[in-house]
């Protein structure tokens, strides 16, 4: 068996997921700092509670969600014929669903735009890291299963 991902799934997850999660966190941090400098207040109302989204919270959320997304990418790569397309579709649906939050939770227009852009930055970073690798994972796994 030539596929190192099959016997050691934790290693495969680490090689794919951690770089994607770090890329998402860095992209979100850069975006956050830009919008913060532009005057976004990052004040949101979630479940009736007023709060302010901090840079640490935004980065941590991007990191954690990307860990979940990257792990999902590995599962998709092992179970579908077109893993890159399937994963991109899943990410697109998730981002569309997540874009609703800032629309209903933030009052300042710049904060709404900032939070929407941060969602898109995180998704783009994950896709840029995962898509080139997920196709090769599926091919390698399929060739060793035969």
Protein backbone atom coordinates (compact mmCIF):
# COMPACT_ATOMS: atom_id res chain seq x y z
CA UNK A 1 0.00 0.00 0.00
CA UNK A 2 1.53 3.31 -1.08
CA UNK A 3 -1.03 5.62 0.48
CA UNK A 4 0.17 6.99 3.79
CA UNK A 5 -3.23 8.58 4.42
CA UNK A 6 -5.09 5.29 4.76
CA UNK A 7 -3.13 3.62 7.57
CA UNK A 8 -2.65 6.88 9.48
CA UNK A 9 -5.76 9.06 9.13
CA UNK A 10 -4.57 11.43 11.86
CA UNK A 11 -1.46 12.24 9.82
CA UNK A 12 -3.54 12.87 6.70
CA UNK A 13 -5.86 15.13 8.64
CA UNK A 14 -2.93 17.06 10.09
CA UNK A 15 -1.26 17.50 6.68
CA UNK A 16 -4.44 18.81 5.06
CA UNK A 17 -6.50 20.39 7.78
CA UNK A 18 -4.01 22.30 9.90
CA UNK A 19 -2.56 24.33 7.00
CA UNK A 20 -6.09 25.13 5.80
CA UNK A 21 -7.19 26.21 9.27
CA UNK A 22 -4.10 28.36 9.75
CA UNK A 23 -4.58 29.97 6.34
CA UNK A 24 -8.20 30.78 7.21
CA UNK A 25 -7.22 32.28 10.58
CA UNK A 26 -4.51 34.45 9.03
CA UNK A 27 -6.81 35.61 6.23
CA UNK A 28 -9.49 36.51 8.76
CA UNK A 29 -6.99 38.36 10.96
CA UNK A 30 -5.76 40.46 8.03
CA UNK A 31 -9.34 41.21 6.96
CA UNK A 32 -10.37 42.03 10.52
CA UNK A 33 -7.50 44.48 10.97
CA UNK A 34 -8.28 46.20 7.68
CA UNK A 35 -11.96 46.64 8.55
CA UNK A 36 -11.13 47.65 12.11
CA UNK A 37 -8.86 50.39 10.75
CA UNK A 38 -11.67 51.44 8.41
CA UNK A 39 -14.02 51.95 11.37
CA UNK A 40 -16.09 48.77 11.66
CA UNK A 41 -17.36 48.45 15.24
CA UNK A 42 -17.91 44.65 15.07
CA UNK A 43 -20.88 45.03 17.42
CA UNK A 44 -23.38 42.20 16.99
CA UNK A 45 -26.49 40.91 18.67
CA UNK A 46 -26.54 37.14 19.03
CA UNK A 47 -29.46 35.42 20.73
CA UNK A 48 -30.59 38.72 22.22
CA UNK A 49 -27.17 39.50 23.73
CA UNK A 50 -25.09 42.45 22.55
CA UNK A 51 -21.40 41.73 22.12
CA UNK A 52 -18.38 42.76 20.11
CA UNK A 53 -16.52 40.33 17.89
CA UNK A 54 -12.81 40.56 18.68
CA UNK A 55 -9.94 39.64 16.39
CA UNK A 56 -9.15 36.64 18.58
CA UNK A 57 -12.75 35.40 18.41
CA UNK A 58 -12.86 35.83 14.63
CA UNK A 59 -9.56 33.99 14.13
CA UNK A 60 -10.45 31.21 16.53
CA UNK A 61 -13.84 30.70 14.88
CA UNK A 62 -12.23 30.59 11.44
CA UNK A 63 -9.62 28.12 12.69
CA UNK A 64 -12.13 25.78 14.35
CA UNK A 65 -14.65 25.83 11.51
CA UNK A 66 -11.83 25.19 9.06
CA UNK A 67 -10.69 22.18 11.07
CA UNK A 68 -14.17 20.74 10.73
CA UNK A 69 -14.32 21.66 7.05
CA UNK A 70 -10.93 20.16 6.30
CA UNK A 71 -11.89 16.92 8.00
CA UNK A 72 -15.08 16.89 5.93
CA UNK A 73 -12.92 17.35 2.83
CA UNK A 74 -11.00 14.19 3.67
CA UNK A 75 -14.23 12.26 4.12
CA UNK A 76 -15.53 13.63 0.82
CA UNK A 77 -12.26 12.71 -0.92
CA UNK A 78 -12.58 9.11 0.19
CA UNK A 79 -16.24 8.68 -0.69
CA UNK A 80 -16.94 10.59 -3.92
CA UNK A 81 -15.78 10.40 -7.51
CA UNK A 82 -15.31 14.18 -7.78
CA UNK A 83 -14.06 15.28 -4.37
CA UNK A 84 -12.94 18.79 -5.34
CA UNK A 85 -16.30 19.67 -6.88
CA UNK A 86 -18.25 18.09 -4.04
CA UNK A 87 -16.20 19.87 -1.37
CA UNK A 88 -16.46 23.22 -3.18
CA UNK A 89 -20.24 22.76 -3.33
CA UNK A 90 -20.41 21.95 0.39
CA UNK A 91 -18.30 25.01 1.24
CA UNK A 92 -20.44 27.23 -0.98
CA UNK A 93 -23.64 26.07 0.71
CA UNK A 94 -22.12 26.52 4.18
CA UNK A 95 -20.91 30.04 3.36
CA UNK A 96 -24.31 31.04 1.99
CA UNK A 97 -25.93 29.82 5.21
CA UNK A 98 -23.34 31.60 7.36
CA UNK A 99 -23.78 34.88 5.48
CA UNK A 100 -27.21 35.28 7.05
CA UNK A 101 -25.77 35.82 10.55
CA UNK A 102 -24.12 39.19 9.94
CA UNK A 103 -27.17 40.45 8.05
CA UNK A 104 -29.41 39.95 11.07
CA UNK A 105 -26.86 40.36 13.87
CA UNK A 106 -25.01 43.58 13.02
CA UNK A 107 -26.46 47.07 12.70
CA UNK A 108 -23.53 49.07 11.31
CA UNK A 109 -23.30 48.63 7.54
CA UNK A 110 -19.51 48.46 7.62
CA UNK A 111 -19.66 45.71 10.25
CA UNK A 112 -22.08 43.71 8.10
CA UNK A 113 -19.75 44.05 5.12
CA UNK A 114 -16.72 43.22 7.28
CA UNK A 115 -18.25 40.07 8.72
CA UNK A 116 -19.47 38.93 5.31
CA UNK A 117 -16.00 39.47 3.84
CA UNK A 118 -14.39 37.61 6.76
CA UNK A 119 -16.62 34.60 6.04
CA UNK A 120 -15.61 34.71 2.39
CA UNK A 121 -11.91 35.11 3.21
CA UNK A 122 -11.97 32.07 5.48
CA UNK A 123 -13.76 29.97 2.86
CA UNK A 124 -11.42 31.10 0.10
CA UNK A 125 -8.34 30.30 2.18
CA UNK A 126 -9.61 26.81 2.95
CA UNK A 127 -10.52 26.15 -0.67
CA UNK A 128 -7.12 27.37 -1.89
CA UNK A 129 -5.33 24.99 0.46
CA UNK A 130 -7.67 21.99 0.30
CA UNK A 131 -8.82 21.76 -3.33
CA UNK A 132 -5.40 21.10 -4.87
CA UNK A 133 -4.75 18.35 -2.32
CA UNK A 134 -8.18 16.74 -2.05
CA UNK A 135 -8.14 15.50 -5.64
CA UNK A 136 -4.82 13.73 -5.15
CA UNK A 137 -6.04 12.19 -1.90
CA UNK A 138 -9.00 10.65 -3.73
CA UNK A 139 -6.84 9.35 -6.55
CA UNK A 140 -4.25 7.86 -4.20
CA UNK A 141 -6.90 6.28 -1.99
CA UNK A 142 -8.78 4.86 -4.96
CA UNK A 143 -5.64 3.37 -6.50
CA UNK A 144 -4.67 1.62 -3.26
CA UNK A 145 -8.15 0.24 -2.66
CA UNK A 146 -8.13 -1.66 -5.97
